[in-house]
Amino acid sequence: MTYVAKPKLHHPTLPQNSLCYTRRDYEGKISTLCAGCGHDSISAAIIQACWELAVEPHRIAKLSGIGCSSKTPDYFLGQSHGFNTVHGRMPSVLTGANLANRDLLYLGVSGDGDSASIGIGQFVHAIRRGVNMVYIVENNGVYGLTKGQFSATADQGSTSKRGVVNADSPIDMVGLALQLGATYVGRSFSGDKQQLVPLIKGAIAHRGAAFLDVISPCVAFNNHAGSTKSYEYVRAHNDAVNRLDVIPTREEIAVDYGEGELVEVEQHDGSVLRLRKLDAGYDPRDRIAAMNIVQQRQAQGEVVTGLLYVDAESEDLHAHLSTDARPFNTLGARELSPGAAVLDKINASLR
């Protein structure tokens, strides 16, 4: 009964984070997606990550495009800023909003149709410019709203629910993000909350273009034998290269690990990414190695998950442009229009 509103009453015994918010404070409306849709699991992971990090909901701006995935921002962070753009145009709107107010945390939610087809040009430029954002693609390999046609991320040779074989080569969003210069790149599975929540937390703490490709099965059109985006296939072919914990700044580091090499990466805000290697030869700080392992395992029919690449020394679009430290929307007419003399000086410097 998705038309029924969630009750606003919070039980007094609900656990609270350091801001005295309960997990319910990070929820949104009741989902209207199909029961069992992987997208709802991603929404739950976003809620959990933001609650654990004690992020103030009003500091988050969530943006999306068009599609099943782009409906999901209505189901989490109901007290945050939100904007639903036209099909494929979310990255450009997010870029403009980020330039206007750098003090917000930007969360872009998209789908494989929204980002890998009509919006691929928008995606490319937002990533290569290093916009400070968390960009999540909820990847199910189909157009769910229009009855299950293959999307651009559907694997060659996979079959549709009606038995049609996909003859087109897929677009690998992770490989594309790595090539374009994203400074935090991960892949996960909507059914693996233990992996997905830390990946989202690390992405929120990161400064720069953080990209997460999340395989999210479509229970209506792409969860059958022959699909490479189904629950059964991903669980059987999931190859995790590491396990991640995010240790917030000023919090005591007390994590119990089993055997395996540890890699620690300190981020700009002081938080620490602690990775335990599952693949002994894998280094998440090596972009070329990340690109190679994704391609190698994909050729073997495996889905590589985990934190694939991170650059702890990354910079964002504001650093590249040397913009004012103040949000543009706080500047007055004098700062935005300094007069003809300043313009003449700028023009003279370009001659």
Protein backbone atom coordinates (compact mmCIF):
# COMPACT_ATOMS: atom_id res chain seq x y z
CA MET A 1 0.00 0.00 0.00
CA THR A 2 2.41 2.61 -1.26
CA TYR A 3 -0.19 5.38 -1.03
CA VAL A 4 -0.12 5.17 2.77
CA ALA A 5 2.14 7.81 4.33
CA LYS A 6 4.78 6.75 6.82
CA PRO A 7 3.90 7.63 10.40
CA LYS A 8 5.93 10.55 11.74
CA LEU A 9 5.98 9.25 15.31
CA HIS A 10 9.43 7.99 16.38
CA HIS A 11 9.71 5.48 19.17
CA PRO A 12 11.83 6.96 21.99
CA THR A 13 14.07 3.89 22.16
CA LEU A 14 15.29 4.17 18.55
CA PRO A 15 19.11 4.45 18.43
CA GLN A 16 20.49 7.89 17.63
CA ASN A 17 23.69 9.10 15.99
CA SER A 18 25.94 11.88 17.31
CA LEU A 19 23.49 14.52 16.02
CA CYS A 20 20.62 12.86 17.92
CA TYR A 21 19.00 11.80 14.65
CA THR A 22 17.44 8.36 14.31
CA ARG A 23 17.67 6.31 11.15
CA ARG A 24 14.06 7.27 10.45
CA ASP A 25 15.16 10.91 10.06
CA TYR A 26 17.05 9.87 6.91
CA GLU A 27 14.17 8.01 5.30
CA GLY A 28 11.77 9.29 2.63
CA LYS A 29 8.41 8.21 1.30
CA ILE A 30 7.25 4.62 0.91
CA SER A 31 8.67 3.10 -2.29
CA THR A 32 6.44 2.53 -5.29
CA LEU A 33 8.93 0.19 -6.97
CA CYS A 34 8.34 -3.53 -7.48
CA ALA A 35 8.71 -5.67 -4.37
CA GLY A 36 12.25 -7.04 -4.31
CA CYS A 37 13.70 -4.33 -6.58
CA GLY A 38 17.42 -3.90 -5.97
CA HIS A 39 17.00 -0.13 -6.04
CA ASP A 40 15.22 -0.21 -2.68
CA SER A 41 18.23 -1.96 -1.16
CA ILE A 42 20.46 0.84 -2.47
CA SER A 43 18.13 3.42 -0.90
CA ALA A 44 18.42 1.56 2.41
CA ALA A 45 22.23 1.57 2.10
CA ILE A 46 22.27 5.34 1.45
CA ILE A 47 20.08 5.90 4.52
CA GLN A 48 22.33 3.73 6.66
CA ALA A 49 25.54 5.40 5.40
CA CYS A 50 24.28 8.94 6.02
CA TRP A 51 22.98 8.01 9.48
CA GLU A 52 26.24 6.34 10.50
CA LEU A 53 28.27 9.33 9.29
CA ALA A 54 25.91 11.70 11.12
CA VAL A 55 25.47 13.89 8.05
CA GLU A 56 22.98 16.70 8.55
CA PRO A 57 20.12 15.97 6.11
CA HIS A 58 19.78 19.63 5.09
CA ARG A 59 23.42 19.61 3.89
CA ILE A 60 22.67 17.04 1.19
CA ALA A 61 21.43 17.83 -2.31
CA LYS A 62 20.12 14.77 -4.16
CA LEU A 63 19.60 14.94 -7.92
CA SER A 64 18.36 12.42 -10.48
CA GLY A 65 17.19 12.05 -14.07
CA ILE A 66 14.45 9.81 -15.45
CA GLY A 67 13.85 6.10 -14.85
CA CYS A 68 13.15 3.64 -12.04
CA SER A 69 16.47 4.56 -10.44
CA SER A 70 15.74 8.26 -10.66
CA LYS A 71 12.52 7.79 -8.69
CA THR A 72 14.46 6.51 -5.68
CA PRO A 73 15.56 9.90 -4.21
CA ASP A 74 11.93 10.26 -3.13
CA TYR A 75 12.44 7.22 -0.89
CA PHE A 76 15.42 8.46 1.14
CA LEU A 77 16.60 11.68 2.79
CA GLY A 78 13.18 13.28 2.87
CA GLN A 79 14.57 16.32 4.71
CA SER A 80 17.24 17.03 2.08
CA HIS A 81 17.28 19.26 -0.99
CA GLY A 82 16.09 17.44 -4.10
CA PHE A 83 15.81 18.02 -7.84
CA ASN A 84 14.59 15.66 -10.56
CA THR A 85 15.94 16.68 -13.98
CA VAL A 86 15.00 15.61 -17.48
CA HIS A 87 16.31 12.37 -18.97
CA GLY A 88 20.13 12.19 -18.87
CA ARG A 89 20.69 15.78 -17.77
CA MET A 90 21.32 15.27 -14.06
CA PRO A 91 25.15 15.64 -14.25
CA SER A 92 24.94 19.12 -15.80
CA VAL A 93 22.38 20.36 -13.28
CA LEU A 94 24.47 18.90 -10.44
CA THR A 95 27.59 20.64 -11.81
CA GLY A 96 25.81 24.00 -11.87
CA ALA A 97 24.42 23.53 -8.38
CA ASN A 98 27.86 22.54 -7.07
CA LEU A 99 29.43 25.67 -8.56
CA ALA A 100 26.71 27.84 -6.98
CA ASN A 101 26.97 26.31 -3.51
CA ARG A 102 30.08 24.28 -2.72
CA ASP A 103 29.01 23.79 0.92
CA LEU A 104 26.42 21.11 0.13
CA LEU A 105 27.09 17.39 -0.31
CA TYR A 106 25.95 16.38 -3.78
CA LEU A 107 24.43 12.95 -4.40
CA GLY A 108 23.59 12.09 -8.00
CA VAL A 109 21.44 9.00 -8.52
CA SER A 110 21.04 7.65 -12.03
CA GLY A 111 20.46 4.46 -13.98
CA ASP A 112 22.18 2.62 -16.79
CA GLY A 113 19.69 4.00 -19.32
CA ASP A 114 19.90 7.52 -17.90
CA SER A 115 23.73 7.63 -17.74
CA ALA A 116 24.98 5.14 -20.35
CA SER A 117 22.65 6.14 -23.20
CA ILE A 118 20.92 9.51 -23.48
CA GLY A 119 23.02 11.05 -20.70
CA ILE A 120 26.43 9.58 -21.48
CA GLY A 121 27.83 12.89 -22.71
CA GLN A 122 26.67 14.60 -19.53
CA PHE A 123 28.21 11.81 -17.43
CA VAL A 124 31.55 12.05 -19.27
CA HIS A 125 32.05 15.75 -18.65
CA ALA A 126 30.95 15.73 -15.01
CA ILE A 127 33.44 12.96 -14.24
CA ARG A 128 36.37 14.41 -16.19
CA ARG A 129 35.90 17.83 -14.59
CA GLY A 130 36.18 16.34 -11.11
CA VAL A 131 32.90 17.65 -9.75
CA ASN A 132 32.79 17.00 -6.00
CA MET A 133 29.92 14.50 -5.83
CA VAL A 134 28.81 10.96 -5.15
CA TYR A 135 27.52 9.58 -8.46
CA ILE A 136 25.60 6.31 -8.09
CA VAL A 137 24.42 4.32 -11.10
CA GLU A 138 21.77 1.74 -10.23
CA ASN A 139 22.62 -0.70 -12.97
CA ASN A 140 20.09 -3.37 -13.98
CA GLY A 141 20.83 -3.66 -17.70
CA VAL A 142 17.28 -2.91 -18.84
CA TYR A 143 14.80 -0.10 -19.35
CA GLY A 144 12.40 -1.06 -16.57
CA LEU A 145 9.87 1.74 -17.11
CA THR A 146 9.40 0.80 -20.77
CA LYS A 147 9.05 -2.98 -20.32
CA GLY A 148 12.54 -4.41 -20.31
CA GLN A 149 14.46 -3.50 -23.46
CA PHE A 150 18.25 -3.98 -23.23
CA SER A 151 20.15 -0.96 -22.00
CA ALA A 152 23.67 0.01 -23.07
CA THR A 153 25.20 -1.85 -20.10
CA ALA A 154 23.59 -5.21 -20.94
CA ASP A 155 26.29 -7.82 -21.58
CA GLN A 156 26.71 -9.20 -25.07
CA GLY A 157 25.14 -12.65 -25.26
CA SER A 158 22.79 -12.13 -22.32
CA THR A 159 19.13 -12.88 -22.95
CA SER A 160 15.98 -10.92 -22.26
CA LYS A 161 12.98 -12.28 -20.38
CA ARG A 162 11.44 -13.21 -23.75
CA GLY A 163 14.58 -15.03 -24.88
CA VAL A 164 16.03 -12.35 -27.20
CA VAL A 165 19.85 -12.41 -27.28
CA ASN A 166 21.71 -9.10 -26.93
CA ALA A 167 24.17 -8.72 -29.83
CA ASP A 168 25.61 -5.34 -28.81
CA SER A 169 28.82 -4.80 -26.87
CA PRO A 170 28.22 -3.35 -23.38
CA ILE A 171 29.40 -0.02 -22.02
CA ASP A 172 31.36 -0.62 -18.81
CA MET A 173 30.61 2.36 -16.57
CA VAL A 174 33.45 1.51 -14.17
CA GLY A 175 36.02 1.31 -16.97
CA LEU A 176 34.72 4.57 -18.40
CA ALA A 177 34.90 6.34 -15.02
CA LEU A 178 38.48 5.14 -14.50
CA GLN A 179 39.53 6.32 -17.96
CA LEU A 180 37.88 9.73 -17.46
CA GLY A 181 39.78 10.41 -14.26
CA ALA A 182 37.29 9.69 -11.45
CA THR A 183 39.23 9.70 -8.18
CA TYR A 184 37.05 7.26 -6.23
CA VAL A 185 35.65 4.30 -8.15
CA GLY A 186 33.80 1.30 -6.77
CA ARG A 187 31.40 -1.40 -7.81
CA SER A 188 28.98 -3.26 -5.61
CA PHE A 189 25.82 -5.34 -5.58
CA SER A 190 22.52 -4.16 -4.16
CA GLY A 191 22.20 -7.46 -2.29
CA ASP A 192 25.49 -6.93 -0.42
CA LYS A 193 24.74 -4.27 2.20
CA GLN A 194 27.89 -5.12 4.17
CA GLN A 195 30.00 -4.02 1.20
CA LEU A 196 27.79 -1.26 -0.19
CA VAL A 197 27.32 0.85 2.96
CA PRO A 198 31.09 1.38 3.57
CA LEU A 199 31.59 2.15 -0.14
CA ILE A 200 28.97 4.90 0.06
CA LYS A 201 30.44 6.25 3.30
CA GLY A 202 33.90 6.42 1.71
CA ALA A 203 32.47 8.18 -1.35
CA ILE A 204 30.73 10.81 0.83
CA ALA A 205 33.99 11.51 2.66
CA HIS A 206 35.94 11.79 -0.61
CA ARG A 207 36.67 15.13 -2.29
CA GLY A 208 36.36 14.88 -6.04
CA ALA A 209 34.40 12.75 -8.49
CA ALA A 210 33.31 9.59 -6.64
CA PHE A 211 31.56 7.01 -8.82
CA LEU A 212 29.76 3.84 -7.74
CA ASP A 213 28.34 1.29 -10.18
CA VAL A 214 25.82 -0.84 -8.27
CA ILE A 215 24.43 -3.96 -9.95
CA SER A 216 20.74 -3.79 -9.05
CA PRO A 217 18.57 -6.63 -10.43
CA CYS A 218 15.23 -5.76 -12.01
CA VAL A 219 12.86 -8.37 -10.60
CA ALA A 220 10.26 -7.67 -13.30
CA PHE A 221 12.37 -7.89 -16.45
CA ASN A 222 15.97 -8.98 -15.75
CA ASN A 223 16.12 -11.57 -12.97
CA HIS A 224 15.93 -14.74 -15.04
CA ALA A 225 18.33 -17.43 -16.26
CA GLY A 226 20.42 -15.90 -19.06
CA SER A 227 20.64 -12.47 -17.46
CA THR A 228 24.02 -11.31 -16.16
CA LYS A 229 22.36 -8.70 -13.92
CA SER A 230 20.21 -11.14 -11.92
CA TYR A 231 20.50 -11.93 -8.21
CA GLU A 232 21.58 -15.50 -8.92
CA TYR A 233 24.23 -14.59 -11.50
CA VAL A 234 25.88 -11.81 -9.49
CA ARG A 235 25.97 -13.89 -6.32
CA ALA A 236 27.59 -16.76 -8.21
CA HIS A 237 30.13 -14.59 -10.10
CA ASN A 238 30.92 -11.85 -7.55
CA ASP A 239 34.69 -11.38 -7.12
CA ALA A 240 35.43 -8.91 -4.30
CA VAL A 241 38.98 -7.53 -4.37
CA ASN A 242 38.83 -5.99 -0.87
CA ARG A 243 36.73 -5.27 2.18
CA LEU A 244 36.35 -1.69 3.30
CA ASP A 245 35.84 0.08 6.61
CA VAL A 246 35.53 3.85 6.95
CA ILE A 247 36.89 5.33 10.17
CA PRO A 248 35.57 8.90 10.66
CA THR A 249 37.95 11.59 11.82
CA ARG A 250 38.37 11.96 15.59
CA GLU A 251 36.94 8.48 16.16
CA GLU A 252 39.13 5.88 17.82
CA ILE A 253 40.40 3.28 15.34
CA ALA A 254 39.57 -0.07 16.85
CA VAL A 255 38.76 -2.58 14.15
CA ASP A 256 39.34 -6.31 14.41
CA TYR A 257 40.61 -7.80 11.15
CA GLY A 258 41.36 -11.32 10.15
CA GLU A 259 44.38 -12.32 8.14
CA GLY A 260 45.17 -10.33 5.02
CA GLU A 261 47.20 -7.30 4.05
CA LEU A 262 45.82 -3.95 5.18
CA VAL A 263 45.88 -0.75 3.13
CA GLU A 264 45.08 2.54 4.86
CA VAL A 265 44.19 5.67 2.87
CA GLU A 266 43.56 8.97 4.69
CA GLN A 267 41.06 11.24 2.96
CA HIS A 268 40.86 15.04 2.91
CA ASP A 269 38.44 15.26 5.81
CA GLY A 270 40.63 13.14 8.05
CA SER A 271 38.63 9.94 7.71
CA VAL A 272 40.58 6.76 7.04
CA LEU A 273 39.74 4.05 4.52
CA ARG A 274 40.95 0.70 5.80
CA LEU A 275 40.99 -2.01 3.16
CA ARG A 276 41.72 -5.66 3.75
CA LYS A 277 42.94 -7.26 0.57
CA LEU A 278 41.14 -10.34 -0.68
CA ASP A 279 43.16 -10.30 -3.90
CA ALA A 280 46.75 -10.33 -2.63
CA GLY A 281 48.20 -8.48 -5.62
CA TYR A 282 45.62 -5.71 -5.81
CA ASP A 283 46.45 -2.07 -5.03
CA PRO A 284 43.42 0.31 -5.07
CA ARG A 285 45.75 3.29 -5.55
CA ASP A 286 46.84 2.07 -9.02
CA ARG A 287 44.45 3.29 -11.73
CA ILE A 288 45.97 1.14 -14.48
CA ALA A 289 45.81 -1.97 -12.32
CA ALA A 290 42.15 -1.27 -11.63
CA MET A 291 41.37 -0.97 -15.33
CA ASN A 292 43.26 -4.18 -16.08
CA ILE A 293 41.64 -6.32 -13.40
CA VAL A 294 38.13 -5.17 -14.36
CA GLN A 295 38.75 -6.17 -17.99
CA GLN A 296 40.48 -9.43 -17.12
CA ARG A 297 37.77 -10.64 -14.76
CA GLN A 298 35.00 -9.45 -17.07
CA ALA A 299 36.47 -11.65 -19.83
CA GLN A 300 36.16 -14.57 -17.39
CA GLY A 301 32.50 -13.76 -16.71
CA GLU A 302 33.17 -12.39 -13.23
CA VAL A 303 31.81 -9.20 -11.65
CA VAL A 304 34.60 -7.39 -9.79
CA THR A 305 33.33 -5.54 -6.72
CA GLY A 306 34.87 -3.44 -3.95
CA LEU A 307 36.78 -0.17 -3.86
CA LEU A 308 38.59 -0.40 -7.20
CA TYR A 309 40.47 2.92 -7.16
CA VAL A 310 41.02 5.86 -4.84
CA ASP A 311 43.26 8.92 -5.12
CA ALA A 312 43.85 10.43 -1.69
CA GLU A 313 45.45 13.56 -3.23
CA SER A 314 42.52 14.39 -5.50
CA GLU A 315 41.19 17.87 -6.22
CA ASP A 316 37.73 18.94 -7.29
CA LEU A 317 36.35 21.33 -9.89
CA HIS A 318 36.58 24.33 -7.55
CA ALA A 319 40.29 23.69 -7.02
CA HIS A 320 40.81 23.38 -10.79
CA LEU A 321 39.05 26.71 -11.40
CA SER A 322 40.52 28.49 -8.33
CA THR A 323 37.08 29.70 -7.33
CA ASP A 324 36.28 31.77 -4.28
CA ALA A 325 36.03 29.75 -1.07
CA ARG A 326 32.63 31.27 -0.42
CA PRO A 327 29.55 29.75 -2.08
CA PHE A 328 28.63 31.80 -5.14
CA ASN A 329 25.05 32.18 -3.93
CA THR A 330 26.32 34.18 -0.92
CA LEU A 331 28.20 36.74 -3.00
CA GLY A 332 26.72 40.17 -3.60
CA ALA A 333 26.58 42.40 -6.66
CA ARG A 334 29.94 44.02 -5.84
CA GLU A 335 31.76 40.64 -5.89
CA LEU A 336 29.89 39.29 -8.91
CA SER A 337 30.07 42.53 -10.95
CA PRO A 338 33.24 44.35 -9.86
CA GLY A 339 32.97 46.95 -12.61
CA ALA A 340 34.49 47.97 -15.95
CA ALA A 341 37.96 48.64 -14.56
CA VAL A 342 38.38 45.05 -13.38
CA LEU A 343 37.04 43.75 -16.70
CA ASP A 344 39.51 45.92 -18.61
CA LYS A 345 42.35 44.53 -16.48
CA ILE A 346 41.28 40.96 -17.22
CA ASN A 347 40.98 41.66 -20.95
CA ALA A 348 44.41 43.31 -20.99
CA SER A 349 45.97 40.24 -19.35
CA LEU A 350 44.67 38.07 -22.19
CA ARG A 351 46.11 40.14 -25.00
